[in-house]
Amino acid sequence: MFKFFITADVKTRAMRRFKESQKLKKKITYEDTLKTLKIRDKSDIKRKHGALKKTSDSVLINSDKLSRLRTFKMINEIMDRKIKA
């Protein structure tokens, strides 16, 4: 079984979300997007059941400087290595 925990800095994620919102013609500022993500992160991390956190058996991938495609390729490479091992 493969488990991955994909993360990125909140500012990086906010910029990605903001750019997606712009493409969809949504009227939201980067600052509002960042604020919303910070609130959601806090809620996700502190919830009683199913809190968002890396497990000891998962592979951490920081996607700060990775595109979606590069992140996907990295996951595939890790899986290929584990399958061949």
Protein backbone atom coordinates (compact mmCIF):
# COMPACT_ATOMS: atom_id res chain seq x y z
CA MET A 1 0.00 0.00 0.00
CA PHE A 2 1.15 3.53 -0.75
CA LYS A 3 0.48 6.53 1.44
CA PHE A 4 1.51 10.06 0.59
CA PHE A 5 1.17 13.27 2.54
CA ILE A 6 1.41 16.15 0.10
CA THR A 7 2.01 19.56 1.57
CA ALA A 8 2.98 23.08 0.60
CA ASP A 9 3.42 26.33 2.45
CA VAL A 10 0.12 28.10 3.11
CA LYS A 11 1.22 31.11 1.02
CA THR A 12 2.05 28.86 -1.92
CA ARG A 13 -1.31 27.12 -1.66
CA ALA A 14 -3.12 30.44 -1.33
CA MET A 15 -1.47 31.75 -4.49
CA ARG A 16 -2.41 28.58 -6.38
CA ARG A 17 -6.02 28.81 -5.17
CA PHE A 18 -6.15 32.54 -5.96
CA LYS A 19 -4.93 31.93 -9.53
CA GLU A 20 -7.53 29.19 -9.99
CA SER A 21 -10.21 31.56 -8.71
CA GLN A 22 -9.09 34.24 -11.16
CA LYS A 23 -9.37 31.79 -14.06
CA LEU A 24 -12.91 31.03 -12.93
CA LYS A 25 -13.64 34.78 -12.77
CA LYS A 26 -14.33 34.60 -9.03
CA LYS A 27 -14.03 37.90 -7.21
CA ILE A 28 -11.79 37.13 -4.27
CA THR A 29 -8.53 38.68 -3.16
CA TYR A 30 -5.30 36.86 -2.44
CA GLU A 31 -5.52 38.08 1.18
CA ASP A 32 -9.01 36.59 1.60
CA THR A 33 -7.85 33.34 0.04
CA LEU A 34 -4.88 33.18 2.41
CA LYS A 35 -7.07 33.93 5.42
CA THR A 36 -9.57 31.23 4.44
CA LEU A 37 -6.81 28.64 4.02
CA LYS A 38 -5.27 29.48 7.40
CA ILE A 39 -8.65 29.02 9.08
CA ARG A 40 -9.25 25.75 7.27
CA ASP A 41 -5.77 24.44 8.11
CA LYS A 42 -6.29 25.17 11.79
CA SER A 43 -9.65 23.39 11.71
CA ASP A 44 -8.27 20.39 9.78
CA ILE A 45 -5.31 19.94 12.12
CA LYS A 46 -7.28 20.32 15.36
CA ARG A 47 -10.42 18.34 14.58
CA LYS A 48 -11.10 15.50 16.99
CA HIS A 49 -11.57 12.72 14.42
CA GLY A 50 -9.55 12.35 11.24
CA ALA A 51 -7.21 15.24 11.92
CA LEU A 52 -5.04 16.13 8.97
CA LYS A 53 -1.51 15.01 9.83
CA LYS A 54 1.26 12.91 8.37
CA THR A 55 1.31 9.31 9.51
CA SER A 56 4.52 7.46 10.27
CA ASP A 57 4.05 5.17 7.27
CA SER A 58 3.40 7.90 4.69
CA VAL A 59 5.83 9.58 2.35
CA LEU A 60 6.05 13.35 2.72
CA ILE A 61 6.08 15.35 -0.49
CA ASN A 62 6.53 19.10 -0.25
CA SER A 63 5.08 20.55 -3.44
CA ASP A 64 6.09 24.19 -2.83
CA LYS A 65 8.27 24.26 -5.93
CA LEU A 66 6.56 21.47 -7.89
CA SER A 67 3.88 21.67 -10.55
CA ARG A 68 0.95 19.28 -10.43
CA LEU A 69 2.55 17.24 -13.18
CA ARG A 70 5.93 17.07 -11.42
CA THR A 71 4.22 16.08 -8.15
CA PHE A 72 2.35 13.31 -9.97
CA LYS A 73 5.56 12.11 -11.62
CA MET A 74 7.36 12.10 -8.28
CA ILE A 75 4.64 9.92 -6.77
CA ASN A 76 4.86 7.55 -9.74
CA GLU A 77 8.64 7.33 -9.39
CA ILE A 78 8.36 6.50 -5.68
CA MET A 79 5.75 3.85 -6.39
CA ASP A 80 7.85 2.33 -9.19
CA ARG A 81 10.89 2.12 -6.90
CA LYS A 82 8.89 0.44 -4.14
CA ILE A 83 7.31 -2.03 -6.54
CA LYS A 84 10.69 -2.98 -7.98
CA ALA A 85 12.30 -3.34 -4.52
